[in-house]
Amino acid sequence: MTSYPAWTPASRPGIIPLHPLTFGTILGRSFTALRHNPKVLLGFALGIQAVTYIVVIVAIGAIAIGAFSRLDTLRPGTEEFDTVLAGSIALVVVAGIVLGLLAGAVGVIVQGVVVTEVARGAVAEKPTLGAIWAQLKPVVWRLIGYAFLLAAAGVLAVTFVVLILIAIGFAVLPVAIVMSVLAVLGAIPLVLWLSTKLMLAPSAIILEHATIRGAIVRSWTLIRGRFWVGLGVLVLVSLTFSVLAQLVSVPFSLLTSGVTTIISPTGDPEPGAIVALIFGLILTQVVTLLIQAVAVVVQSTASALVYIDCRMRREGLDLDLQSYVEQRDAGRTDLPDPYRLHVGRAIAPRPVAPAYPAYPGPQGYGPPPGYPAPQGYGPPPGYAAPPSSAAPSPAAAAPPAPVPPGPSSPPPPVLPTSWAAPGGGAPERDAP
């Protein structure tokens, strides 16, 4: 009895093809990946960010109102008034910094959730939020520490430059103004360069469980050869959502101004006008924050896709992912995480068929002259190829030389008189 192999269905396609990605694929899938697991990406990521932003704004506003309301009971210009004013400003600033750090920590966790979901979506999996958190939990503090370290380095660098410019300004003010303009112009390419070189560090921490230093080194190494792709994706995504935020906020601002003008045409601070103004400002800010939340999700998706593409090209990650998908679909459940296999593996460049001498073959067959035959093709050993007729030699192309008549040559034929045309013209036949 003959046995046949069991039929297995084709593997489910993921959010990306399992081979090195092009720039268009990375950019397009960064936006369309939101549809893969909407419960996680749209439900959790967008929801938690929007709630966090709204809570921070409301909390800072409430603290500011409570702090500055004490000034109503004091007389301006007195020492007590100045002391309370300074304390109120300090309280609002400290509250803003603390709440901003908490919002940043929440944003980092959201980024970790998005990167984990995109990595599993590449192998056609839709993990639950609990499964994602189980994978993210061991490195969440490391990820938050990296984000705060990066923010602290930026603050220190800006403070150092500002102090130097202030010191120069006390000495020579025009020079300080020129240097300030040059510093701002020079900071733009520097920030873009550093952002691109470090854009893969969060993915390395989340998917490889790398240390902070190891993640920075990994990002610096992996992005080589794909720097312009990463920079293009980063800039285009940022510009897209910046323009979108402006397009949305401008109509809301105009609507708020129009409603305020209708309620209070004379410009008096009536309660209805104040309420309409506050409502319009809050609505505009909420819509802008929702757009920013979507931008964080798309940027995190783009950085994860660039990370996967760089590892496919440098370390053959696509081979590990294909093997994982095939074995998983075959029924295996004890497979290791493919993103933690062969980390740092160096692979040779993808094989390219060498160029062989052209084999002309019989006339009318085979590749054209000068076309390299692919590997594995050509005449068998010992086969004598016929001469090529594509480029004939000059001797073969020249016409044969005329042979002069000799004594043995037959005499030319003599035409009958009736065939000779009168006057030596062309012969013509007599009429019957």
Protein backbone atom coordinates (compact mmCIF):
# COMPACT_ATOMS: atom_id res chain seq x y z
CA MET A 1 0.00 0.00 0.00
CA THR A 2 1.35 3.42 -0.93
CA SER A 3 1.35 6.18 1.74
CA TYR A 4 0.98 9.81 0.84
CA PRO A 5 2.07 12.79 2.95
CA ALA A 6 -0.68 14.46 4.93
CA TRP A 7 -2.06 17.63 3.43
CA THR A 8 -1.51 20.76 5.46
CA PRO A 9 -3.14 24.10 4.70
CA ALA A 10 -1.06 27.10 3.74
CA SER A 11 0.20 29.28 6.55
CA ARG A 12 -1.87 32.29 7.48
CA PRO A 13 -0.44 35.55 6.16
CA GLY A 14 0.73 38.05 8.74
CA ILE A 15 0.73 41.83 8.57
CA ILE A 16 3.96 41.79 6.55
CA PRO A 17 5.53 39.38 4.05
CA LEU A 18 8.30 37.30 5.58
CA HIS A 19 11.14 38.70 3.50
CA PRO A 20 13.12 41.96 3.55
CA LEU A 21 10.73 44.89 3.28
CA THR A 22 10.73 47.86 0.96
CA PHE A 23 10.25 51.47 2.04
CA GLY A 24 6.69 51.53 0.70
CA THR A 25 5.76 48.34 2.55
CA ILE A 26 7.07 49.67 5.87
CA LEU A 27 5.30 53.00 5.47
CA GLY A 28 2.01 51.48 4.29
CA ARG A 29 1.83 48.70 6.88
CA SER A 30 2.57 51.21 9.65
CA PHE A 31 -0.90 52.67 9.04
CA THR A 32 -2.80 49.51 8.09
CA ALA A 33 -1.53 47.47 11.07
CA LEU A 34 -4.15 49.16 13.23
CA ARG A 35 -6.77 46.86 11.71
CA HIS A 36 -4.95 43.64 12.63
CA ASN A 37 -5.74 43.58 16.35
CA PRO A 38 -8.10 46.49 17.03
CA LYS A 39 -8.90 45.37 20.57
CA VAL A 40 -5.29 45.95 21.60
CA LEU A 41 -4.15 48.74 19.30
CA LEU A 42 -7.34 50.78 19.15
CA GLY A 43 -8.96 49.73 22.40
CA PHE A 44 -6.05 49.77 24.84
CA ALA A 45 -3.33 51.85 23.20
CA LEU A 46 -5.53 54.72 22.06
CA GLY A 47 -7.87 54.55 25.01
CA ILE A 48 -5.22 54.59 27.72
CA GLN A 49 -3.32 57.43 26.06
CA ALA A 50 -6.40 59.57 25.60
CA VAL A 51 -7.50 59.02 29.20
CA THR A 52 -3.99 59.77 30.47
CA TYR A 53 -3.72 63.02 28.54
CA ILE A 54 -7.16 64.20 29.64
CA VAL A 55 -6.43 63.35 33.29
CA VAL A 56 -3.12 65.22 33.18
CA ILE A 57 -4.71 68.33 31.66
CA VAL A 58 -7.61 68.34 34.13
CA ALA A 59 -5.28 67.73 37.09
CA ILE A 60 -2.88 70.52 36.14
CA GLY A 61 -5.81 72.88 35.54
CA ALA A 62 -7.35 72.06 38.92
CA ILE A 63 -4.02 72.52 40.71
CA ALA A 64 -3.47 75.84 38.96
CA ILE A 65 -6.94 77.11 39.85
CA GLY A 66 -6.54 76.04 43.48
CA ALA A 67 -3.06 77.54 43.74
CA PHE A 68 -3.77 80.91 42.14
CA SER A 69 -7.19 81.38 43.72
CA ARG A 70 -5.49 82.28 47.00
CA LEU A 71 -4.19 85.46 45.39
CA ASP A 72 -7.71 86.92 45.33
CA THR A 73 -7.60 87.40 49.09
CA LEU A 74 -4.25 89.23 49.03
CA ARG A 75 -3.32 92.72 47.98
CA PRO A 76 -0.98 92.93 44.99
CA GLY A 77 2.45 94.42 45.68
CA THR A 78 2.76 93.15 49.21
CA GLU A 79 5.43 90.71 50.34
CA GLU A 80 2.83 88.10 51.20
CA PHE A 81 1.32 88.36 47.72
CA ASP A 82 4.72 87.84 46.08
CA THR A 83 5.46 84.86 48.31
CA VAL A 84 2.13 83.17 47.54
CA LEU A 85 2.55 83.90 43.82
CA ALA A 86 6.01 82.33 43.74
CA GLY A 87 4.76 79.31 45.68
CA SER A 88 1.79 78.88 43.37
CA ILE A 89 3.99 78.99 40.27
CA ALA A 90 6.41 76.48 41.80
CA LEU A 91 3.54 74.16 42.76
CA VAL A 92 2.07 74.21 39.26
CA VAL A 93 5.48 73.60 37.67
CA VAL A 94 6.29 70.67 39.96
CA ALA A 95 2.84 69.16 39.41
CA GLY A 96 3.26 69.52 35.66
CA ILE A 97 6.65 67.80 35.73
CA VAL A 98 5.43 64.91 37.90
CA LEU A 99 2.26 64.37 35.90
CA GLY A 100 4.24 64.70 32.65
CA LEU A 101 6.63 61.96 33.81
CA LEU A 102 3.69 59.72 34.68
CA ALA A 103 2.15 60.35 31.26
CA GLY A 104 5.51 59.58 29.67
CA ALA A 105 5.72 56.29 31.56
CA VAL A 106 2.25 55.37 30.34
CA GLY A 107 3.27 56.29 26.78
CA VAL A 108 6.34 54.04 27.03
CA ILE A 109 4.17 51.12 28.18
CA VAL A 110 1.83 51.76 25.24
CA GLN A 111 4.83 51.70 22.91
CA GLY A 112 5.90 48.37 24.38
CA VAL A 113 2.41 46.92 23.87
CA VAL A 114 2.34 48.09 20.24
CA VAL A 115 5.81 46.71 19.42
CA THR A 116 4.96 43.34 20.97
CA GLU A 117 1.66 43.11 19.09
CA VAL A 118 3.30 44.03 15.76
CA ALA A 119 6.02 41.42 16.28
CA ARG A 120 3.39 38.73 16.89
CA GLY A 121 1.27 40.02 14.02
CA ALA A 122 4.20 39.45 11.66
CA VAL A 123 3.75 35.71 12.26
CA ALA A 124 -0.07 35.93 11.97
CA GLU A 125 -0.86 35.83 15.69
CA LYS A 126 -3.38 37.96 17.60
CA PRO A 127 -2.33 37.83 21.26
CA THR A 128 -4.56 39.06 24.02
CA LEU A 129 -3.60 41.99 26.21
CA GLY A 130 -2.75 39.55 29.02
CA ALA A 131 -0.34 37.60 26.81
CA ILE A 132 1.29 40.81 25.64
CA TRP A 133 1.70 42.04 29.20
CA ALA A 134 3.25 38.70 30.24
CA GLN A 135 5.94 39.19 27.60
CA LEU A 136 6.41 42.88 28.36
CA LYS A 137 6.40 42.69 32.17
CA PRO A 138 10.03 41.48 32.65
CA VAL A 139 11.44 44.49 30.76
CA VAL A 140 8.91 47.24 31.46
CA TRP A 141 11.10 49.03 34.03
CA ARG A 142 14.07 48.76 31.73
CA LEU A 143 12.02 50.34 28.97
CA ILE A 144 10.84 53.17 31.24
CA GLY A 145 14.40 53.73 32.43
CA TYR A 146 15.64 54.03 28.86
CA ALA A 147 12.95 56.60 28.05
CA PHE A 148 13.74 58.69 31.14
CA LEU A 149 17.47 58.43 30.49
CA LEU A 150 16.94 59.70 26.96
CA ALA A 151 14.76 62.57 28.21
CA ALA A 152 17.28 63.48 30.92
CA ALA A 153 20.13 63.53 28.39
CA GLY A 154 18.11 65.85 26.17
CA VAL A 155 17.30 68.20 29.04
CA LEU A 156 20.94 68.33 30.15
CA ALA A 157 22.15 69.01 26.61
CA VAL A 158 19.64 71.85 26.12
CA THR A 159 20.45 73.34 29.53
CA PHE A 160 24.18 73.25 28.82
CA VAL A 161 23.78 75.02 25.47
CA VAL A 162 21.42 77.63 26.94
CA LEU A 163 23.83 78.43 29.77
CA ILE A 164 26.69 78.87 27.32
CA LEU A 165 24.59 81.20 25.15
CA ILE A 166 23.54 83.23 28.20
CA ALA A 167 27.17 83.61 29.26
CA ILE A 168 28.13 84.76 25.76
CA GLY A 169 25.14 87.10 25.70
CA PHE A 170 26.35 88.96 28.79
CA ALA A 171 29.68 89.52 27.04
CA VAL A 172 28.72 90.11 23.40
CA LEU A 173 24.99 90.13 22.72
CA PRO A 174 25.08 90.11 18.86
CA VAL A 175 27.36 87.08 18.85
CA ALA A 176 25.01 85.27 21.24
CA ILE A 177 22.03 85.99 18.99
CA VAL A 178 23.83 84.63 15.92
CA MET A 179 25.02 81.56 17.82
CA SER A 180 21.48 80.94 19.09
CA VAL A 181 20.14 80.88 15.54
CA LEU A 182 22.95 78.57 14.44
CA ALA A 183 22.33 76.31 17.45
CA VAL A 184 18.65 75.95 16.59
CA LEU A 185 19.40 75.25 12.93
CA GLY A 186 22.11 72.74 13.84
CA ALA A 187 19.92 70.99 16.40
CA ILE A 188 17.36 69.93 13.78
CA PRO A 189 19.62 67.56 11.78
CA LEU A 190 21.32 66.42 14.99
CA VAL A 191 18.00 65.42 16.58
CA LEU A 192 16.87 63.65 13.40
CA TRP A 193 20.16 61.76 13.17
CA LEU A 194 20.11 60.65 16.81
CA SER A 195 16.41 59.77 16.66
CA THR A 196 17.03 57.53 13.66
CA LYS A 197 20.13 55.88 15.13
CA LEU A 198 18.27 55.10 18.37
CA MET A 199 14.82 54.26 16.96
CA LEU A 200 15.39 50.50 17.25
CA ALA A 201 16.50 50.51 20.91
CA PRO A 202 12.97 50.07 22.38
CA SER A 203 12.31 47.13 20.05
CA ALA A 204 15.59 45.52 21.12
CA ILE A 205 14.65 45.90 24.80
CA ILE A 206 11.14 44.51 24.27
CA LEU A 207 11.81 41.64 21.85
CA GLU A 208 15.37 40.64 22.78
CA HIS A 209 15.26 41.55 26.50
CA ALA A 210 18.44 43.56 25.95
CA THR A 211 19.92 45.86 28.56
CA ILE A 212 19.76 49.62 28.08
CA ARG A 213 23.37 49.82 26.92
CA GLY A 214 23.00 46.69 24.79
CA ALA A 215 19.84 48.09 23.18
CA ILE A 216 21.62 51.33 22.25
CA VAL A 217 24.50 49.38 20.70
CA ARG A 218 22.08 47.06 18.87
CA SER A 219 20.13 49.97 17.43
CA TRP A 220 23.32 51.72 16.34
CA THR A 221 24.48 48.52 14.59
CA LEU A 222 21.23 47.33 13.01
CA ILE A 223 20.33 50.64 11.42
CA ARG A 224 23.50 50.69 9.32
CA GLY A 225 22.60 50.40 5.68
CA ARG A 226 18.95 51.28 6.38
CA PHE A 227 19.47 54.72 7.90
CA TRP A 228 17.71 56.65 5.14
CA VAL A 229 14.75 54.27 5.22
CA GLY A 230 14.36 54.76 8.96
CA LEU A 231 14.76 58.53 8.65
CA GLY A 232 12.23 58.71 5.82
CA VAL A 233 9.62 56.72 7.73
CA LEU A 234 10.19 58.79 10.89
CA VAL A 235 9.90 62.13 9.10
CA LEU A 236 6.92 61.21 6.92
CA VAL A 237 4.87 59.80 9.81
CA SER A 238 5.62 62.86 11.96
CA LEU A 239 4.77 65.30 9.17
CA THR A 240 1.56 63.45 8.33
CA PHE A 241 0.15 63.68 11.83
CA SER A 242 1.41 67.23 12.36
CA VAL A 243 -0.45 68.39 9.26
CA LEU A 244 -3.50 66.36 10.28
CA ALA A 245 -3.53 67.94 13.74
CA GLN A 246 -3.40 71.41 12.20
CA LEU A 247 -6.17 70.61 9.74
CA VAL A 248 -8.40 69.44 12.57
CA SER A 249 -7.59 72.15 15.12
CA VAL A 250 -8.02 75.12 12.78
CA PRO A 251 -11.74 74.45 11.98
CA PHE A 252 -12.50 73.89 15.67
CA SER A 253 -10.79 77.18 16.55
CA LEU A 254 -12.77 79.04 13.91
CA LEU A 255 -15.99 77.41 15.12
CA THR A 256 -15.23 78.42 18.69
CA SER A 257 -14.56 82.03 17.66
CA GLY A 258 -17.77 82.13 15.63
CA VAL A 259 -19.92 80.76 18.45
CA THR A 260 -18.35 83.18 20.93
CA THR A 261 -19.01 86.10 18.59
CA ILE A 262 -22.66 85.08 18.17
CA ILE A 263 -23.21 84.72 21.91
CA SER A 264 -21.35 87.90 22.81
CA PRO A 265 -21.20 90.21 19.77
CA THR A 266 -20.04 93.20 21.85
CA GLY A 267 -17.06 91.33 23.30
CA ASP A 268 -18.28 91.56 26.91
CA PRO A 269 -17.21 88.65 29.11
CA GLU A 270 -20.66 87.17 29.49
CA PRO A 271 -21.01 83.74 31.14
CA GLY A 272 -22.32 82.14 27.95
CA ALA A 273 -19.37 83.38 25.91
CA ILE A 274 -16.91 82.16 28.52
CA VAL A 275 -18.54 78.72 28.61
CA ALA A 276 -18.55 78.49 24.81
CA LEU A 277 -14.89 79.48 24.68
CA ILE A 278 -13.86 76.95 27.32
CA PHE A 279 -15.92 74.19 25.67
CA GLY A 280 -14.39 74.91 22.27
CA LEU A 281 -10.84 74.92 23.65
CA ILE A 282 -11.41 71.64 25.50
CA LEU A 283 -12.96 70.00 22.43
CA THR A 284 -10.07 71.15 20.23
CA GLN A 285 -7.52 69.86 22.72
CA VAL A 286 -9.26 66.49 23.06
CA VAL A 287 -9.35 65.95 19.28
CA THR A 288 -5.69 66.95 19.01
CA LEU A 289 -4.74 64.53 21.78
CA LEU A 290 -6.60 61.70 20.03
CA ILE A 291 -4.60 62.41 16.87
CA GLN A 292 -1.39 62.40 18.90
CA ALA A 293 -2.38 59.06 20.41
CA VAL A 294 -2.85 57.57 16.95
CA ALA A 295 0.53 59.06 15.96
CA VAL A 296 2.26 57.29 18.87
CA VAL A 297 0.76 53.95 17.79
CA VAL A 298 1.76 54.43 14.13
CA GLN A 299 5.29 55.57 15.01
CA SER A 300 5.77 52.59 17.32
CA THR A 301 4.52 50.28 14.56
CA ALA A 302 6.92 51.85 12.05
CA SER A 303 9.92 51.47 14.36
CA ALA A 304 9.03 47.80 14.97
CA LEU A 305 8.77 47.13 11.22
CA VAL A 306 12.11 48.84 10.57
CA TYR A 307 13.64 46.68 13.33
CA ILE A 308 12.26 43.48 11.76
CA ASP A 309 13.45 44.54 8.30
CA CYS A 310 16.99 45.30 9.56
CA ARG A 311 17.26 41.94 11.29
CA MET A 312 15.99 40.15 8.18
CA ARG A 313 18.73 41.75 6.12
CA ARG A 314 21.59 41.41 8.61
CA GLU A 315 20.74 38.28 10.59
CA GLY A 316 18.32 36.25 8.46
CA LEU A 317 15.37 36.77 10.80
CA ASP A 318 12.99 35.97 7.94
CA LEU A 319 14.30 32.39 7.91
CA ASP A 320 13.62 32.02 11.64
CA LEU A 321 10.14 33.47 11.28
CA GLN A 322 9.28 31.19 8.35
CA SER A 323 10.52 28.15 10.28
CA TYR A 324 8.48 29.20 13.31
CA VAL A 325 5.31 29.64 11.25
CA GLU A 326 5.72 26.28 9.49
CA GLN A 327 6.35 24.35 12.71
CA ARG A 328 3.55 26.12 14.56
CA ASP A 329 1.06 25.37 11.79
CA ALA A 330 2.26 21.75 11.79
CA GLY A 331 1.08 21.43 15.40
CA ARG A 332 4.10 22.18 17.58
CA THR A 333 3.40 24.18 20.73
CA ASP A 334 6.80 24.23 22.47
CA LEU A 335 8.52 26.59 20.04
CA PRO A 336 10.93 29.22 21.36
CA ASP A 337 10.46 32.89 20.62
CA PRO A 338 11.90 33.42 17.10
CA TYR A 339 12.95 37.00 17.93
CA ARG A 340 15.32 35.76 20.63
CA LEU A 341 17.00 33.17 18.43
CA HIS A 342 20.30 33.93 16.68
CA VAL A 343 20.50 37.47 18.02
CA GLY A 344 23.57 39.10 16.50
CA ARG A 345 24.07 36.34 13.95
CA ALA A 346 26.11 37.47 10.96
CA ILE A 347 25.03 35.98 7.66
CA ALA A 348 26.70 36.14 4.29
CA PRO A 349 25.08 38.24 1.58
CA ARG A 350 22.25 36.56 -0.24
CA PRO A 351 23.72 34.31 -3.02
CA VAL A 352 23.74 35.74 -6.51
CA ALA A 353 24.20 33.52 -9.57
CA PRO A 354 27.71 34.10 -10.98
CA ALA A 355 28.15 35.26 -14.55
CA TYR A 356 29.20 32.44 -16.88
CA PRO A 357 30.48 32.83 -20.44
CA ALA A 358 27.69 33.04 -22.94
CA TYR A 359 26.78 29.79 -24.63
CA PRO A 360 25.56 30.54 -28.13
CA GLY A 361 23.92 27.18 -28.79
CA PRO A 362 22.37 26.26 -32.14
CA GLN A 363 21.16 29.05 -34.35
CA GLY A 364 17.85 30.43 -33.11
CA TYR A 365 18.14 28.92 -29.62
CA GLY A 366 19.76 29.88 -26.35
CA PRO A 367 20.43 33.31 -24.85
CA PRO A 368 21.47 36.21 -27.03
CA PRO A 369 25.15 37.00 -27.47
CA GLY A 370 26.77 38.43 -24.36
CA TYR A 371 24.01 37.21 -22.04
CA PRO A 372 25.45 35.27 -19.07
CA ALA A 373 24.05 31.79 -18.77
CA PRO A 374 22.41 31.11 -15.35
CA GLN A 375 23.94 28.66 -12.95
CA GLY A 376 23.33 25.04 -13.87
CA TYR A 377 22.84 25.61 -17.60
CA GLY A 378 25.22 25.24 -20.51
CA PRO A 379 26.59 22.52 -22.79
CA PRO A 380 27.50 19.15 -21.28
CA PRO A 381 31.20 18.36 -20.79
CA GLY A 382 33.00 17.60 -24.06
CA TYR A 383 30.32 19.15 -26.22
CA ALA A 384 31.74 21.27 -29.03
CA ALA A 385 29.52 24.26 -29.52
CA PRO A 386 28.88 25.21 -33.14
CA PRO A 387 30.37 28.49 -34.26
CA SER A 388 28.26 31.48 -33.49
CA SER A 389 26.60 33.25 -36.39
CA ALA A 390 25.83 36.36 -34.37
CA ALA A 391 29.03 38.21 -35.26
CA PRO A 392 30.45 37.01 -38.61
CA SER A 393 34.07 37.72 -39.36
CA PRO A 394 34.96 40.49 -41.84
CA ALA A 395 36.31 37.92 -44.29
CA ALA A 396 33.04 35.98 -44.25
CA ALA A 397 30.97 39.10 -44.63
CA ALA A 398 32.90 40.41 -47.68
CA PRO A 399 31.53 39.42 -51.14
CA PRO A 400 33.67 37.10 -53.28
CA ALA A 401 36.06 38.78 -55.69
CA PRO A 402 35.11 38.60 -59.41
CA VAL A 403 36.99 36.05 -61.55
CA PRO A 404 38.50 37.57 -64.73
CA PRO A 405 37.57 35.79 -67.95
CA GLY A 406 40.18 33.40 -69.22
CA PRO A 407 40.75 31.36 -72.38
CA SER A 408 38.69 28.55 -70.98
CA SER A 409 35.74 30.78 -70.19
CA PRO A 410 32.73 30.30 -72.51
CA PRO A 411 32.05 33.20 -74.88
CA PRO A 412 29.17 35.48 -74.01
CA PRO A 413 25.92 34.63 -75.73
CA VAL A 414 25.07 36.48 -78.96
CA LEU A 415 21.54 37.73 -79.13
CA PRO A 416 19.65 37.40 -82.47
CA THR A 417 19.27 40.53 -84.53
CA SER A 418 15.56 40.47 -83.98
CA TRP A 419 16.18 40.78 -80.26
CA ALA A 420 18.45 43.81 -80.52
CA ALA A 421 16.75 47.08 -79.92
CA PRO A 422 17.30 49.78 -82.51
CA GLY A 423 19.85 52.35 -81.42
CA GLY A 424 21.52 49.96 -78.94
CA GLY A 425 18.66 50.18 -76.41
CA ALA A 426 17.15 47.44 -74.36
CA PRO A 427 16.17 44.43 -76.42
CA GLU A 428 12.54 43.90 -77.13
CA ARG A 429 10.67 41.04 -78.81
CA ASP A 430 9.33 41.40 -82.39
CA ALA A 431 5.66 41.58 -82.68
CA PRO A 432 4.18 38.35 -84.10
